[in-house]
């Protein structure tokens, strides 16, 4: 016969009160027991002395006979100094599931891609603009220099009554095209 020190539930609905009992391990939870060792009232504050009452002398006797305490009762006996229990460690308890791991990997991958794209975008326009400016200067350097010089000279010499400088540039463009052809 295996002997267990465990809790039996009593009290009203939503108002539990437990008895700490010694019982045959095959007996029902709230069924027949051998001896009552104390009580446990989870509704009382944790620092209350009446939360757990335990007959330590009888508990020592039953432990010496070979009674096995349940997890909760082992906590009470450990607090009373009658038993040293080993703490169970579940290392996988806080570990996220497979789908959560996939989601975090996808987020990290998207973030890395966005950072790379931002870095390329920040570096590329500077290089492209510099190359585009150099090409434009090489192709149009003689024409633009001639147009700018011609456009500046009439605007400076023209009296205020004449048309603005923007209109003065329009007639000079055909002259520049004649020089090319």
C-alpha atoms as a PDB file:
ATOM      1  CA  UNK A   1       0.000   0.000   0.000  1.00  0.00           C
ATOM      2  CA  UNK A   2       1.464   3.361  -1.082  1.00  0.00           C
ATOM      3  CA  UNK A   3       0.816   6.184   1.340  1.00  0.00           C
ATOM      4  CA  UNK A   4       0.492   9.804   0.184  1.00  0.00           C
ATOM      5  CA  UNK A   5       0.317  13.093   2.023  1.00  0.00           C
ATOM      6  CA  UNK A   6      -1.972  15.244  -0.085  1.00  0.00           C
ATOM      7  CA  UNK A   7      -4.791  17.793  -0.127  1.00  0.00           C
ATOM      8  CA  UNK A   8      -8.511  17.088  -0.110  1.00  0.00           C
ATOM      9  CA  UNK A   9     -10.858  19.837  -1.206  1.00  0.00           C
ATOM     10  CA  UNK A  10     -13.652  21.166   0.947  1.00  0.00           C
ATOM     11  CA  UNK A  11     -15.544  24.424   1.259  1.00  0.00           C
ATOM     12  CA  UNK A  12     -18.144  26.012  -0.986  1.00  0.00           C
ATOM     13  CA  UNK A  13     -18.138  26.767  -4.675  1.00  0.00           C
ATOM     14  CA  UNK A  14     -15.456  29.379  -5.470  1.00  0.00           C
ATOM     15  CA  UNK A  15     -14.431  29.325  -1.755  1.00  0.00           C
ATOM     16  CA  UNK A  16     -12.003  26.379  -1.415  1.00  0.00           C
ATOM     17  CA  UNK A  17     -10.561  25.123   1.855  1.00  0.00           C
ATOM     18  CA  UNK A  18      -8.211  22.144   1.807  1.00  0.00           C
ATOM     19  CA  UNK A  19      -7.326  19.515   4.420  1.00  0.00           C
ATOM     20  CA  UNK A  20      -3.806  18.091   4.497  1.00  0.00           C
ATOM     21  CA  UNK A  21      -4.326  14.361   4.930  1.00  0.00           C
ATOM     22  CA  UNK A  22      -2.483  11.044   4.879  1.00  0.00           C
ATOM     23  CA  UNK A  23      -4.299   8.657   2.557  1.00  0.00           C
ATOM     24  CA  UNK A  24      -3.863   5.552   0.466  1.00  0.00           C
ATOM     25  CA  UNK A  25      -2.675   6.760  -2.953  1.00  0.00           C
ATOM     26  CA  UNK A  26      -5.406   4.660  -4.633  1.00  0.00           C
ATOM     27  CA  UNK A  27      -8.235   6.370  -2.702  1.00  0.00           C
ATOM     28  CA  UNK A  28     -10.248   9.162  -4.375  1.00  0.00           C
ATOM     29  CA  UNK A  29      -9.095  12.752  -3.832  1.00  0.00           C
ATOM     30  CA  UNK A  30     -11.910  13.688  -1.478  1.00  0.00           C
ATOM     31  CA  UNK A  31     -12.519  10.124  -0.271  1.00  0.00           C
ATOM     32  CA  UNK A  32     -11.336   8.040   2.665  1.00  0.00           C
ATOM     33  CA  UNK A  33      -8.125   9.073   4.440  1.00  0.00           C
ATOM     34  CA  UNK A  34      -6.040   7.688   7.281  1.00  0.00           C
ATOM     35  CA  UNK A  35      -5.276  10.849   9.286  1.00  0.00           C
ATOM     36  CA  UNK A  36      -5.760  14.610   9.049  1.00  0.00           C
ATOM     37  CA  UNK A  37      -2.497  16.566   9.479  1.00  0.00           C
ATOM     38  CA  UNK A  38      -3.668  20.148   8.971  1.00  0.00           C
ATOM     39  CA  UNK A  39      -5.478  22.660   6.758  1.00  0.00           C
ATOM     40  CA  UNK A  40      -4.723  25.054   3.911  1.00  0.00           C
ATOM     41  CA  UNK A  41      -6.849  28.097   3.126  1.00  0.00           C
ATOM     42  CA  UNK A  42      -5.685  29.751  -0.129  1.00  0.00           C
ATOM     43  CA  UNK A  43      -8.050  32.708   0.343  1.00  0.00           C
ATOM     44  CA  UNK A  44      -6.064  34.070   3.279  1.00  0.00           C
ATOM     45  CA  UNK A  45      -3.061  36.387   2.710  1.00  0.00           C
ATOM     46  CA  UNK A  46       0.286  34.686   2.161  1.00  0.00           C
ATOM     47  CA  UNK A  47       1.787  36.169   5.325  1.00  0.00           C
ATOM     48  CA  UNK A  48      -1.091  34.912   7.490  1.00  0.00           C
ATOM     49  CA  UNK A  49      -0.182  32.208  10.029  1.00  0.00           C
ATOM     50  CA  UNK A  50      -3.628  30.616   9.618  1.00  0.00           C
ATOM     51  CA  UNK A  51      -3.157  30.041   5.885  1.00  0.00           C
ATOM     52  CA  UNK A  52      -1.382  26.714   6.528  1.00  0.00           C
ATOM     53  CA  UNK A  53      -1.757  24.787   9.779  1.00  0.00           C
ATOM     54  CA  UNK A  54       0.249  21.584  10.101  1.00  0.00           C
ATOM     55  CA  UNK A  55       0.895  19.019  12.828  1.00  0.00           C
ATOM     56  CA  UNK A  56       4.667  18.758  12.343  1.00  0.00           C
ATOM     57  CA  UNK A  57       5.178  15.800  14.726  1.00  0.00           C
ATOM     58  CA  UNK A  58       2.687  13.611  12.858  1.00  0.00           C
ATOM     59  CA  UNK A  59       4.051  14.771   9.493  1.00  0.00           C
ATOM     60  CA  UNK A  60       7.579  13.704  10.593  1.00  0.00           C
ATOM     61  CA  UNK A  61       6.198  10.306  11.571  1.00  0.00           C
ATOM     62  CA  UNK A  62       4.475   9.720   8.234  1.00  0.00           C
ATOM     63  CA  UNK A  63       7.541  10.873   6.267  1.00  0.00           C
ATOM     64  CA  UNK A  64       9.702   8.432   8.279  1.00  0.00           C
ATOM     65  CA  UNK A  65       7.251   5.620   7.444  1.00  0.00           C
ATOM     66  CA  UNK A  66       7.662   6.409   3.728  1.00  0.00           C
ATOM     67  CA  UNK A  67       4.661   8.568   2.834  1.00  0.00           C
ATOM     68  CA  UNK A  68       5.179  10.538  -0.374  1.00  0.00           C
ATOM     69  CA  UNK A  69       3.976  14.167  -0.300  1.00  0.00           C
ATOM     70  CA  UNK A  70       2.295  15.791  -3.300  1.00  0.00           C
ATOM     71  CA  UNK A  71       3.999  18.808  -4.890  1.00  0.00           C
ATOM     72  CA  UNK A  72       1.914  21.359  -3.000  1.00  0.00           C
ATOM     73  CA  UNK A  73       2.268  19.565   0.340  1.00  0.00           C
ATOM     74  CA  UNK A  74       6.031  19.240  -0.267  1.00  0.00           C
ATOM     75  CA  UNK A  75       6.131  23.048  -0.478  1.00  0.00           C
ATOM     76  CA  UNK A  76       4.369  23.315   2.888  1.00  0.00           C
ATOM     77  CA  UNK A  77       6.717  20.767   4.466  1.00  0.00           C
ATOM     78  CA  UNK A  78       9.725  22.587   3.038  1.00  0.00           C
ATOM     79  CA  UNK A  79       8.480  25.880   4.513  1.00  0.00           C
ATOM     80  CA  UNK A  80       8.045  24.132   7.874  1.00  0.00           C
ATOM     81  CA  UNK A  81      11.605  22.780   7.676  1.00  0.00           C
ATOM     82  CA  UNK A  82      10.624  19.084   7.606  1.00  0.00           C
ATOM     83  CA  UNK A  83      11.657  18.341   4.046  1.00  0.00           C
ATOM     84  CA  UNK A  84      14.062  19.774   1.500  1.00  0.00           C
ATOM     85  CA  UNK A  85      12.521  19.639  -1.918  1.00  0.00           C
ATOM     86  CA  UNK A  86      14.358  20.069  -5.178  1.00  0.00           C
ATOM     87  CA  UNK A  87      13.014  22.834  -7.337  1.00  0.00           C
ATOM     88  CA  UNK A  88      11.870  21.754 -10.747  1.00  0.00           C
ATOM     89  CA  UNK A  89      13.213  23.754 -13.656  1.00  0.00           C
ATOM     90  CA  UNK A  90      11.371  23.863 -16.954  1.00  0.00           C
ATOM     91  CA  UNK A  91      13.824  25.484 -19.320  1.00  0.00           C
ATOM     92  CA  UNK A  92      11.443  25.345 -22.276  1.00  0.00           C
ATOM     93  CA  UNK A  93       8.605  27.074 -20.437  1.00  0.00           C
ATOM     94  CA  UNK A  94       9.472  30.581 -21.613  1.00  0.00           C
ATOM     95  CA  UNK A  95      10.695  29.541 -25.051  1.00  0.00           C
ATOM     96  CA  UNK A  96       8.438  30.691 -27.921  1.00  0.00           C
ATOM     97  CA  UNK A  97       6.782  28.161 -30.238  1.00  0.00           C
ATOM     98  CA  UNK A  98       7.790  27.298 -33.802  1.00  0.00           C
ATOM     99  CA  UNK A  99       5.437  29.788 -35.478  1.00  0.00           C
ATOM    100  CA  UNK A 100       6.540  32.616 -33.194  1.00  0.00           C
ATOM    101  CA  UNK A 101      10.176  31.833 -34.028  1.00  0.00           C
ATOM    102  CA  UNK A 102       9.326  31.958 -37.766  1.00  0.00           C
ATOM    103  CA  UNK A 103       7.626  35.331 -37.346  1.00  0.00           C
ATOM    104  CA  UNK A 104      10.614  36.817 -35.521  1.00  0.00           C
ATOM    105  CA  UNK A 105      12.977  35.485 -38.198  1.00  0.00           C
ATOM    106  CA  UNK A 106      10.809  37.009 -40.956  1.00  0.00           C
ATOM    107  CA  UNK A 107      10.697  40.355 -39.125  1.00  0.00           C
ATOM    108  CA  UNK A 108      14.472  40.323 -38.703  1.00  0.00           C
ATOM    109  CA  UNK A 109      14.958  39.450 -42.370  1.00  0.00           C
ATOM    110  CA  UNK A 110      12.611  42.232 -43.545  1.00  0.00           C
ATOM    111  CA  UNK A 111      14.317  44.703 -41.232  1.00  0.00           C
ATOM    112  CA  UNK A 112      17.751  43.730 -42.573  1.00  0.00           C
ATOM    113  CA  UNK A 113      16.528  44.095 -46.172  1.00  0.00           C
ATOM    114  CA  UNK A 114      15.055  47.499 -45.397  1.00  0.00           C
ATOM    115  CA  UNK A 115      18.311  48.642 -43.796  1.00  0.00           C
ATOM    116  CA  UNK A 116      20.307  47.427 -46.808  1.00  0.00           C
ATOM    117  CA  UNK A 117      17.960  49.192 -49.211  1.00  0.00           C
ATOM    118  CA  UNK A 118      18.191  52.395 -47.179  1.00  0.00           C
ATOM    119  CA  UNK A 119      21.978  52.185 -47.126  1.00  0.00           C
ATOM    120  CA  UNK A 120      22.097  51.599 -50.889  1.00  0.00           C
ATOM    121  CA  UNK A 121      19.642  54.425 -51.510  1.00  0.00           C
ATOM    122  CA  UNK A 122      21.695  56.768 -49.370  1.00  0.00           C
ATOM    123  CA  UNK A 123      24.952  55.869 -51.135  1.00  0.00           C
ATOM    124  CA  UNK A 124      23.645  55.421 -54.709  1.00  0.00           C
ATOM    125  CA  UNK A 125      22.108  58.881 -55.394  1.00  0.00           C
ATOM    126  CA  UNK A 126      25.348  60.625 -54.501  1.00  0.00           C
ATOM    127  CA  UNK A 127      27.289  58.481 -56.960  1.00  0.00           C
ATOM    128  CA  UNK A 128      24.591  58.613 -59.662  1.00  0.00           C
ATOM    129  CA  UNK A 129      24.172  62.389 -59.354  1.00  0.00           C
ATOM    130  CA  UNK A 130      27.918  62.896 -59.548  1.00  0.00           C
ATOM    131  CA  UNK A 131      28.191  60.669 -62.634  1.00  0.00           C
ATOM    132  CA  UNK A 132      25.138  62.311 -64.229  1.00  0.00           C
ATOM    133  CA  UNK A 133      26.522  65.776 -63.559  1.00  0.00           C
ATOM    134  CA  UNK A 134      29.906  64.853 -65.059  1.00  0.00           C
ATOM    135  CA  UNK A 135      28.287  63.384 -68.192  1.00  0.00           C
ATOM    136  CA  UNK A 136      26.012  66.394 -68.589  1.00  0.00           C
ATOM    137  CA  UNK A 137      28.910  68.804 -68.160  1.00  0.00           C
ATOM    138  CA  UNK A 138      31.044  66.912 -70.700  1.00  0.00           C
ATOM    139  CA  UNK A 139      28.271  66.781 -73.336  1.00  0.00           C
ATOM    140  CA  UNK A 140      26.902  70.273 -72.961  1.00  0.00           C
ATOM    141  CA  UNK A 141      29.885  72.175 -71.674  1.00  0.00           C
ATOM    142  CA  UNK A 142      30.638  74.167 -74.835  1.00  0.00           C
ATOM    143  CA  UNK A 143      26.987  74.911 -75.642  1.00  0.00           C
ATOM    144  CA  UNK A 144      25.996  75.928 -72.109  1.00  0.00           C
ATOM    145  CA  UNK A 145      29.026  78.149 -71.746  1.00  0.00           C
ATOM    146  CA  UNK A 146      28.146  79.962 -75.007  1.00  0.00           C
ATOM    147  CA  UNK A 147      24.469  80.255 -74.074  1.00  0.00           C
ATOM    148  CA  UNK A 148      25.263  81.520 -70.579  1.00  0.00           C
ATOM    149  CA  UNK A 149      27.678  84.134 -71.882  1.00  0.00           C
ATOM    150  CA  UNK A 150      25.250  85.357 -74.531  1.00  0.00           C
ATOM    151  CA  UNK A 151      22.336  85.353 -72.086  1.00  0.00           C
ATOM    152  CA  UNK A 152      24.247  87.317 -69.480  1.00  0.00           C
ATOM    153  CA  UNK A 153      25.535  90.020 -71.836  1.00  0.00           C
ATOM    154  CA  UNK A 154      22.161  91.159 -73.271  1.00  0.00           C
ATOM    155  CA  UNK A 155      20.492  91.080 -69.856  1.00  0.00           C
ATOM    156  CA  UNK A 156      23.126  93.388 -68.433  1.00  0.00           C
ATOM    157  CA  UNK A 157      23.070  95.796 -71.427  1.00  0.00           C
ATOM    158  CA  UNK A 158      19.301  95.763 -71.992  1.00  0.00           C
ATOM    159  CA  UNK A 159      17.337  98.718 -70.647  1.00  0.00           C
ATOM    160  CA  UNK A 160      14.608  98.113 -68.023  1.00  0.00           C
ATOM    161  CA  UNK A 161      11.806  98.729 -70.562  1.00  0.00           C
ATOM    162  CA  UNK A 162      12.721  95.676 -72.623  1.00  0.00           C
ATOM    163  CA  UNK A 163      11.551  92.119 -71.966  1.00  0.00           C
ATOM    164  CA  UNK A 164      12.934  90.132 -69.018  1.00  0.00           C
ATOM    165  CA  UNK A 165      16.061  88.003 -69.368  1.00  0.00           C
ATOM    166  CA  UNK A 166      14.098  84.731 -69.713  1.00  0.00           C
ATOM    167  CA  UNK A 167      12.531  85.982 -72.963  1.00  0.00           C
ATOM    168  CA  UNK A 168      15.894  87.178 -74.180  1.00  0.00           C
ATOM    169  CA  UNK A 169      17.294  83.619 -73.919  1.00  0.00           C
ATOM    170  CA  UNK A 170      14.608  82.163 -76.218  1.00  0.00           C
ATOM    171  CA  UNK A 171      15.706  83.995 -79.410  1.00  0.00           C
ATOM    172  CA  UNK A 172      19.348  83.087 -78.829  1.00  0.00           C
ATOM    173  CA  UNK A 173      18.742  79.318 -78.759  1.00  0.00           C
ATOM    174  CA  UNK A 174      18.299  79.081 -82.539  1.00  0.00           C
ATOM    175  CA  UNK A 175      21.639  80.846 -82.929  1.00  0.00           C
ATOM    176  CA  UNK A 176      23.272  78.146 -80.841  1.00  0.00           C
ATOM    177  CA  UNK A 177      21.632  75.446 -82.977  1.00  0.00           C
ATOM    178  CA  UNK A 178      22.976  77.078 -86.137  1.00  0.00           C
ATOM    179  CA  UNK A 179      26.476  76.908 -84.703  1.00  0.00           C
ATOM    180  CA  UNK A 180      26.114  73.110 -84.251  1.00  0.00           C
ATOM    181  CA  UNK A 181      24.703  72.409 -87.743  1.00  0.00           C
END
